């Protein structure tokens, strides 16, 4: 169920520039939230939670911290304050401890290059009861590296996604691309199948999360 009122956030990140960047991303995201406090390490985060857990709905958590890891914060938060959601925001695209963190109750994971709109979408998804660990977490190349579903999108399909993200109707897109509205709908259905979504809204959210728009 989506959070009512502002989502109250604790940011746990040791790099000052990343803290500023995430603060700005939240400001530009359009998400109804407030950054209640920041912590530079595990000790500060745990101390704050012990005193102010009732003021926090979400922890934005880095993994590598000066005095430990995000796992230390996650375990304590989930054991003592299970209603608090935890989103890992890491510079490591393939965090080797992600499976263990999911087992410990992690609610989501995004990389630090997520767009402000993408961050808002993930947080909203988490508070709607849908944990998020990336749209491509099950897609692997034969060598074990991940690939993006967007790799299979054609330029025309990318153009249609971009125009949908601008709020244009199928008729408006058709007029701009000099094709029929029926052809636009056909392209959209192909996009849905490729990226695994069921609606234009989900398609646009996917585009924001993966930096396509």
C-alpha atoms as a PDB file:
ATOM      1  CA  UNK A   1       0.000   0.000   0.000  1.00  0.00           C
ATOM      2  CA  UNK A   2       1.416   3.358  -1.019  1.00  0.00           C
ATOM      3  CA  UNK A   3       2.730   5.506   1.833  1.00  0.00           C
ATOM      4  CA  UNK A   4       0.318   8.260   2.910  1.00  0.00           C
ATOM      5  CA  UNK A   5       2.019  11.612   3.435  1.00  0.00           C
ATOM      6  CA  UNK A   6       5.655  12.406   2.878  1.00  0.00           C
ATOM      7  CA  UNK A   7       8.070   9.483   2.823  1.00  0.00           C
ATOM      8  CA  UNK A   8      10.618  10.202   5.547  1.00  0.00           C
ATOM      9  CA  UNK A   9      14.133   9.192   4.540  1.00  0.00           C
ATOM     10  CA  UNK A  10      17.419   8.446   6.289  1.00  0.00           C
ATOM     11  CA  UNK A  11      20.382   8.620   3.888  1.00  0.00           C
ATOM     12  CA  UNK A  12      23.373   6.449   4.831  1.00  0.00           C
ATOM     13  CA  UNK A  13      26.338   7.336   2.589  1.00  0.00           C
ATOM     14  CA  UNK A  14      29.957   8.174   3.423  1.00  0.00           C
ATOM     15  CA  UNK A  15      30.834  10.218   0.319  1.00  0.00           C
ATOM     16  CA  UNK A  16      29.736  13.876   0.639  1.00  0.00           C
ATOM     17  CA  UNK A  17      29.302  14.321  -3.127  1.00  0.00           C
ATOM     18  CA  UNK A  18      27.090  11.254  -3.400  1.00  0.00           C
ATOM     19  CA  UNK A  19      25.004  12.529  -0.495  1.00  0.00           C
ATOM     20  CA  UNK A  20      24.540  15.841  -2.289  1.00  0.00           C
ATOM     21  CA  UNK A  21      23.737  14.026  -5.529  1.00  0.00           C
ATOM     22  CA  UNK A  22      21.099  11.811  -3.935  1.00  0.00           C
ATOM     23  CA  UNK A  23      19.623  14.794  -2.119  1.00  0.00           C
ATOM     24  CA  UNK A  24      19.319  16.638  -5.435  1.00  0.00           C
ATOM     25  CA  UNK A  25      17.914  13.538  -7.150  1.00  0.00           C
ATOM     26  CA  UNK A  26      15.178  13.340  -4.526  1.00  0.00           C
ATOM     27  CA  UNK A  27      14.451  17.049  -4.943  1.00  0.00           C
ATOM     28  CA  UNK A  28      14.081  16.741  -8.716  1.00  0.00           C
ATOM     29  CA  UNK A  29      12.262  13.402  -8.669  1.00  0.00           C
ATOM     30  CA  UNK A  30       8.816  14.751  -7.842  1.00  0.00           C
ATOM     31  CA  UNK A  31       8.511  12.203  -5.029  1.00  0.00           C
ATOM     32  CA  UNK A  32       6.570  13.398  -1.976  1.00  0.00           C
ATOM     33  CA  UNK A  33       9.379  12.883   0.518  1.00  0.00           C
ATOM     34  CA  UNK A  34      11.563  14.570   3.094  1.00  0.00           C
ATOM     35  CA  UNK A  35      15.188  13.820   3.933  1.00  0.00           C
ATOM     36  CA  UNK A  36      15.082  13.618   7.740  1.00  0.00           C
ATOM     37  CA  UNK A  37      18.766  12.943   8.384  1.00  0.00           C
ATOM     38  CA  UNK A  38      22.072  11.724   6.989  1.00  0.00           C
ATOM     39  CA  UNK A  39      24.627   9.285   8.373  1.00  0.00           C
ATOM     40  CA  UNK A  40      28.216   8.813   7.229  1.00  0.00           C
ATOM     41  CA  UNK A  41      28.793   5.372   8.722  1.00  0.00           C
ATOM     42  CA  UNK A  42      27.190   2.358  10.388  1.00  0.00           C
ATOM     43  CA  UNK A  43      27.538   3.734  13.916  1.00  0.00           C
ATOM     44  CA  UNK A  44      25.803   7.019  13.077  1.00  0.00           C
ATOM     45  CA  UNK A  45      23.008   5.224  11.247  1.00  0.00           C
ATOM     46  CA  UNK A  46      22.334   2.778  14.070  1.00  0.00           C
ATOM     47  CA  UNK A  47      22.486   5.512  16.702  1.00  0.00           C
ATOM     48  CA  UNK A  48      19.982   7.601  14.781  1.00  0.00           C
ATOM     49  CA  UNK A  49      17.622   4.669  14.288  1.00  0.00           C
ATOM     50  CA  UNK A  50      17.740   3.779  17.977  1.00  0.00           C
ATOM     51  CA  UNK A  51      16.591   7.289  18.851  1.00  0.00           C
ATOM     52  CA  UNK A  52      14.378   8.260  15.911  1.00  0.00           C
ATOM     53  CA  UNK A  53      13.084   5.075  14.263  1.00  0.00           C
ATOM     54  CA  UNK A  54       9.511   6.388  14.446  1.00  0.00           C
ATOM     55  CA  UNK A  55      10.533   9.293  12.191  1.00  0.00           C
ATOM     56  CA  UNK A  56      11.860   7.128   9.337  1.00  0.00           C
ATOM     57  CA  UNK A  57       9.980   5.244   6.598  1.00  0.00           C
ATOM     58  CA  UNK A  58      12.897   4.492   4.258  1.00  0.00           C
ATOM     59  CA  UNK A  59      16.659   4.065   4.484  1.00  0.00           C
ATOM     60  CA  UNK A  60      18.664   4.891   1.344  1.00  0.00           C
ATOM     61  CA  UNK A  61      21.733   2.790   1.980  1.00  0.00           C
ATOM     62  CA  UNK A  62      25.235   2.585   0.548  1.00  0.00           C
ATOM     63  CA  UNK A  63      27.011  -0.767   0.884  1.00  0.00           C
ATOM     64  CA  UNK A  64      30.644   0.119   1.598  1.00  0.00           C
ATOM     65  CA  UNK A  65      30.918   2.249   4.737  1.00  0.00           C
ATOM     66  CA  UNK A  66      34.023   3.258   6.769  1.00  0.00           C
ATOM     67  CA  UNK A  67      33.180   1.116   9.803  1.00  0.00           C
ATOM     68  CA  UNK A  68      31.303  -1.759   8.198  1.00  0.00           C
ATOM     69  CA  UNK A  69      28.800  -2.427   5.434  1.00  0.00           C
ATOM     70  CA  UNK A  70      25.208  -1.758   4.544  1.00  0.00           C
ATOM     71  CA  UNK A  71      24.428  -5.290   5.714  1.00  0.00           C
ATOM     72  CA  UNK A  72      25.148  -4.198   9.290  1.00  0.00           C
ATOM     73  CA  UNK A  73      22.576  -1.415   9.022  1.00  0.00           C
ATOM     74  CA  UNK A  74      20.069  -3.609   7.199  1.00  0.00           C
ATOM     75  CA  UNK A  75      20.149  -6.428   9.771  1.00  0.00           C
ATOM     76  CA  UNK A  76      19.638  -4.104  12.708  1.00  0.00           C
ATOM     77  CA  UNK A  77      16.894  -2.121  10.957  1.00  0.00           C
ATOM     78  CA  UNK A  78      14.928  -5.203   9.936  1.00  0.00           C
ATOM     79  CA  UNK A  79      15.312  -6.941  13.281  1.00  0.00           C
ATOM     80  CA  UNK A  80      14.364  -3.949  15.414  1.00  0.00           C
ATOM     81  CA  UNK A  81      12.221  -1.820  13.093  1.00  0.00           C
ATOM     82  CA  UNK A  82      10.728  -4.163  10.456  1.00  0.00           C
ATOM     83  CA  UNK A  83       8.308  -1.545   9.092  1.00  0.00           C
ATOM     84  CA  UNK A  84      11.176   0.585   7.787  1.00  0.00           C
ATOM     85  CA  UNK A  85      11.919  -0.037   4.106  1.00  0.00           C
ATOM     86  CA  UNK A  86      15.542  -0.308   2.952  1.00  0.00           C
ATOM     87  CA  UNK A  87      16.779   0.546  -0.558  1.00  0.00           C
ATOM     88  CA  UNK A  88      20.398  -0.177  -1.441  1.00  0.00           C
ATOM     89  CA  UNK A  89      21.890   2.523  -3.699  1.00  0.00           C
ATOM     90  CA  UNK A  90      25.291   1.254  -4.733  1.00  0.00           C
ATOM     91  CA  UNK A  91      27.988   2.064  -7.247  1.00  0.00           C
ATOM     92  CA  UNK A  92      28.514  -1.675  -7.668  1.00  0.00           C
ATOM     93  CA  UNK A  93      26.148  -2.945 -10.385  1.00  0.00           C
ATOM     94  CA  UNK A  94      26.704  -6.549  -9.325  1.00  0.00           C
ATOM     95  CA  UNK A  95      26.998  -6.437  -5.548  1.00  0.00           C
ATOM     96  CA  UNK A  96      28.257  -9.879  -4.462  1.00  0.00           C
ATOM     97  CA  UNK A  97      26.271  -9.677  -1.210  1.00  0.00           C
ATOM     98  CA  UNK A  98      22.939  -8.789  -2.824  1.00  0.00           C
ATOM     99  CA  UNK A  99      21.417 -12.266  -2.389  1.00  0.00           C
ATOM    100  CA  UNK A 100      22.307 -12.277   1.297  1.00  0.00           C
ATOM    101  CA  UNK A 101      20.849  -8.799   1.731  1.00  0.00           C
ATOM    102  CA  UNK A 102      17.605  -9.866   0.047  1.00  0.00           C
ATOM    103  CA  UNK A 103      17.418 -12.775   2.492  1.00  0.00           C
ATOM    104  CA  UNK A 104      17.929 -10.270   5.324  1.00  0.00           C
ATOM    105  CA  UNK A 105      14.937  -8.233   4.157  1.00  0.00           C
ATOM    106  CA  UNK A 106      16.267  -5.726   1.629  1.00  0.00           C
ATOM    107  CA  UNK A 107      13.417  -4.072  -0.274  1.00  0.00           C
ATOM    108  CA  UNK A 108      15.252  -2.878  -3.353  1.00  0.00           C
ATOM    109  CA  UNK A 109      18.484  -2.179  -5.196  1.00  0.00           C
ATOM    110  CA  UNK A 110      19.473   0.479  -7.742  1.00  0.00           C
ATOM    111  CA  UNK A 111      22.831   1.661  -9.015  1.00  0.00           C
ATOM    112  CA  UNK A 112      24.029   5.199  -8.347  1.00  0.00           C
ATOM    113  CA  UNK A 113      23.502   6.208 -11.968  1.00  0.00           C
ATOM    114  CA  UNK A 114      19.706   5.881 -11.606  1.00  0.00           C
ATOM    115  CA  UNK A 115      17.794   8.925 -12.859  1.00  0.00           C
ATOM    116  CA  UNK A 116      15.751  11.041 -10.405  1.00  0.00           C
ATOM    117  CA  UNK A 117      12.542   9.790 -12.055  1.00  0.00           C
ATOM    118  CA  UNK A 118      13.808   6.222 -11.851  1.00  0.00           C
ATOM    119  CA  UNK A 119      14.603   6.603  -8.161  1.00  0.00           C
ATOM    120  CA  UNK A 120      11.116   7.953  -7.513  1.00  0.00           C
ATOM    121  CA  UNK A 121       9.568   5.058  -9.443  1.00  0.00           C
ATOM    122  CA  UNK A 122      11.504   2.458  -7.450  1.00  0.00           C
ATOM    123  CA  UNK A 123      10.665   4.050  -4.101  1.00  0.00           C
ATOM    124  CA  UNK A 124       6.989   4.306  -5.058  1.00  0.00           C
ATOM    125  CA  UNK A 125       7.042   0.652  -6.115  1.00  0.00           C
ATOM    126  CA  UNK A 126       8.515  -0.383  -2.770  1.00  0.00           C
ATOM    127  CA  UNK A 127       5.805   1.464  -0.857  1.00  0.00           C
ATOM    128  CA  UNK A 128       3.209  -0.176  -3.085  1.00  0.00           C
ATOM    129  CA  UNK A 129       4.460  -3.496  -1.760  1.00  0.00           C
ATOM    130  CA  UNK A 130       6.581  -4.441  -4.782  1.00  0.00           C
ATOM    131  CA  UNK A 131      10.261  -4.911  -3.936  1.00  0.00           C
ATOM    132  CA  UNK A 132      12.590  -3.914  -6.775  1.00  0.00           C
ATOM    133  CA  UNK A 133      15.896  -5.501  -7.739  1.00  0.00           C
ATOM    134  CA  UNK A 134      16.250  -4.378 -11.345  1.00  0.00           C
ATOM    135  CA  UNK A 135      14.338  -5.247 -14.509  1.00  0.00           C
ATOM    136  CA  UNK A 136      17.270  -7.245 -15.882  1.00  0.00           C
ATOM    137  CA  UNK A 137      18.309  -9.244 -12.821  1.00  0.00           C
ATOM    138  CA  UNK A 138      17.466 -12.574 -14.495  1.00  0.00           C
ATOM    139  CA  UNK A 139      18.939 -11.792 -17.929  1.00  0.00           C
ATOM    140  CA  UNK A 140      22.441 -13.082 -18.538  1.00  0.00           C
ATOM    141  CA  UNK A 141      24.854 -13.291 -21.442  1.00  0.00           C
ATOM    142  CA  UNK A 142      26.514 -16.649 -21.968  1.00  0.00           C
ATOM    143  CA  UNK A 143      29.620 -15.358 -20.164  1.00  0.00           C
ATOM    144  CA  UNK A 144      27.572 -14.584 -17.052  1.00  0.00           C
ATOM    145  CA  UNK A 145      27.389 -10.812 -17.451  1.00  0.00           C
ATOM    146  CA  UNK A 146      24.017  -9.103 -17.454  1.00  0.00           C
ATOM    147  CA  UNK A 147      22.409  -7.667 -20.563  1.00  0.00           C
ATOM    148  CA  UNK A 148      19.656  -5.087 -20.839  1.00  0.00           C
ATOM    149  CA  UNK A 149      16.334  -5.804 -22.510  1.00  0.00           C
ATOM    150  CA  UNK A 150      16.706  -2.382 -24.119  1.00  0.00           C
ATOM    151  CA  UNK A 151      19.519  -3.781 -26.282  1.00  0.00           C
ATOM    152  CA  UNK A 152      16.876  -5.405 -28.488  1.00  0.00           C
ATOM    153  CA  UNK A 153      14.855  -2.209 -29.042  1.00  0.00           C
ATOM    154  CA  UNK A 154      14.984  -0.639 -32.490  1.00  0.00           C
ATOM    155  CA  UNK A 155      15.534   3.069 -33.054  1.00  0.00           C
ATOM    156  CA  UNK A 156      11.886   3.486 -34.049  1.00  0.00           C
ATOM    157  CA  UNK A 157      10.797   1.792 -30.823  1.00  0.00           C
ATOM    158  CA  UNK A 158      13.082   4.057 -28.813  1.00  0.00           C
ATOM    159  CA  UNK A 159      11.575   7.084 -30.580  1.00  0.00           C
ATOM    160  CA  UNK A 160       8.080   5.923 -29.634  1.00  0.00           C
ATOM    161  CA  UNK A 161       9.108   5.381 -26.001  1.00  0.00           C
ATOM    162  CA  UNK A 162      10.581   8.902 -25.899  1.00  0.00           C
ATOM    163  CA  UNK A 163       7.416  10.446 -27.308  1.00  0.00           C
ATOM    164  CA  UNK A 164       5.210   8.462 -24.919  1.00  0.00           C
ATOM    165  CA  UNK A 165       7.336   9.762 -22.060  1.00  0.00           C
ATOM    166  CA  UNK A 166       6.487  13.283 -23.249  1.00  0.00           C
ATOM    167  CA  UNK A 167       2.810  12.430 -22.805  1.00  0.00           C
ATOM    168  CA  UNK A 168       1.921  12.276 -26.493  1.00  0.00           C
ATOM    169  CA  UNK A 169      -1.018  10.180 -27.688  1.00  0.00           C
ATOM    170  CA  UNK A 170      -0.699   7.482 -30.346  1.00  0.00           C
ATOM    171  CA  UNK A 171      -2.257   9.848 -32.907  1.00  0.00           C
ATOM    172  CA  UNK A 172       0.205  12.623 -32.035  1.00  0.00           C
ATOM    173  CA  UNK A 173       3.107  10.183 -32.273  1.00  0.00           C
ATOM    174  CA  UNK A 174       1.814   8.906 -35.590  1.00  0.00           C
ATOM    175  CA  UNK A 175       1.632  12.434 -36.981  1.00  0.00           C
ATOM    176  CA  UNK A 176       5.149  13.234 -35.816  1.00  0.00           C
ATOM    177  CA  UNK A 177       6.676  10.019 -37.220  1.00  0.00           C
ATOM    178  CA  UNK A 178       4.544  10.010 -40.410  1.00  0.00           C
ATOM    179  CA  UNK A 179       3.035   6.618 -39.684  1.00  0.00           C
ATOM    180  CA  UNK A 180      -0.468   5.452 -38.753  1.00  0.00           C
ATOM    181  CA  UNK A 181      -1.780   5.310 -35.195  1.00  0.00           C
ATOM    182  CA  UNK A 182      -2.332   1.598 -35.758  1.00  0.00           C
ATOM    183  CA  UNK A 183       1.365   1.181 -36.536  1.00  0.00           C
ATOM    184  CA  UNK A 184       2.247   3.069 -33.356  1.00  0.00           C
ATOM    185  CA  UNK A 185       0.127   0.650 -31.339  1.00  0.00           C
ATOM    186  CA  UNK A 186       1.775  -2.280 -33.079  1.00  0.00           C
ATOM    187  CA  UNK A 187       5.218  -0.924 -32.151  1.00  0.00           C
ATOM    188  CA  UNK A 188       4.102  -0.399 -28.555  1.00  0.00           C
ATOM    189  CA  UNK A 189       2.897  -4.004 -28.304  1.00  0.00           C
ATOM    190  CA  UNK A 190       6.288  -5.210 -29.556  1.00  0.00           C
ATOM    191  CA  UNK A 191       8.012  -3.010 -26.962  1.00  0.00           C
ATOM    192  CA  UNK A 192       5.768  -4.418 -24.215  1.00  0.00           C
ATOM    193  CA  UNK A 193       6.765  -7.958 -25.193  1.00  0.00           C
ATOM    194  CA  UNK A 194      10.469  -7.122 -25.337  1.00  0.00           C
ATOM    195  CA  UNK A 195      10.735  -5.423 -21.952  1.00  0.00           C
ATOM    196  CA  UNK A 196       8.039  -7.393 -20.161  1.00  0.00           C
ATOM    197  CA  UNK A 197       5.424  -4.766 -19.367  1.00  0.00           C
ATOM    198  CA  UNK A 198       1.673  -4.434 -19.856  1.00  0.00           C
ATOM    199  CA  UNK A 199       0.983  -0.719 -20.211  1.00  0.00           C
ATOM    200  CA  UNK A 200       2.336   2.573 -21.499  1.00  0.00           C
ATOM    201  CA  UNK A 201       2.894   3.731 -17.919  1.00  0.00           C
ATOM    202  CA  UNK A 202       5.042   0.688 -17.132  1.00  0.00           C
ATOM    203  CA  UNK A 203       6.937   1.191 -20.395  1.00  0.00           C
ATOM    204  CA  UNK A 204       7.698   4.819 -19.539  1.00  0.00           C
ATOM    205  CA  UNK A 205       8.753   3.865 -16.000  1.00  0.00           C
ATOM    206  CA  UNK A 206      11.111   1.261 -17.483  1.00  0.00           C
ATOM    207  CA  UNK A 207      12.545   3.919 -19.771  1.00  0.00           C
ATOM    208  CA  UNK A 208      13.229   6.283 -16.862  1.00  0.00           C
ATOM    209  CA  UNK A 209      14.813   3.515 -14.779  1.00  0.00           C
ATOM    210  CA  UNK A 210      17.151   2.501 -17.603  1.00  0.00           C
ATOM    211  CA  UNK A 211      18.092   5.972 -18.822  1.00  0.00           C
ATOM    212  CA  UNK A 212      16.319   5.649 -22.185  1.00  0.00           C
ATOM    213  CA  UNK A 213      14.677   9.076 -21.814  1.00  0.00           C
END
